């Protein structure tokens, strides 16, 4: 987790139109050689994170689990924001690029839309994720959140628009099976997979149909 976090690209750390990671920025600031600075800083951050978690567990195991879960939940939400906002504003960039609307303004608008949407659909989705697919405990939650964070960040780094919903649900079900089939709902998972397939096919068909209709009108 520490290595991934150290190498997440941030627009604020890089030059105009580019991104830079914490590891790369710190490496340059310390005057480390190119090619070795980023790996060294990444390892240092990973050791720092691991040491902090280890010491916290030694003082209060139950409290450390809660704090680590809270931190992982924030990181997963951060990853979801990077993925979902990109998907939402991606179709707008070619349009607003012609009228010189900066990318940061689109990002702010997408972020505000994501925040507003969380107040409408989030409570129902929280219940579904927390209860409907598998019985979740602290260890199973950690086992589901870490791969979700890693896979989502890898997809963002490579510019691959993956479905974050599929990532988190699959990780939860996998953690449930690893814990001895801990309340895993096979019927719920089956309906969800069917919904994923139906949404893929439906989006393709509707996208084709709507574009054909718009072309006739405009």
Foldseek 3Di string as FASTA:
>chain_A
DLLLQQAFWDCVQDPPPGTGGNQVSVLVVVVHDPPVSSVVSSVVRVVVVVVVLVVVCVVPVVVSLVVVLVVLVVLLVVLVLLQPLCVVCVVVCVVCVVVPDDPVVSSVVSVVVVVVVCVPPVVVVVCCLPPVFFPDDSVLSVQLSVQLSVVSSVCSVVVHNDDSVVSNSVSSNVSCVVVPVGGGDPVVVVVVVVVVVCVVVVVVVVVVVVVVVVVVVD
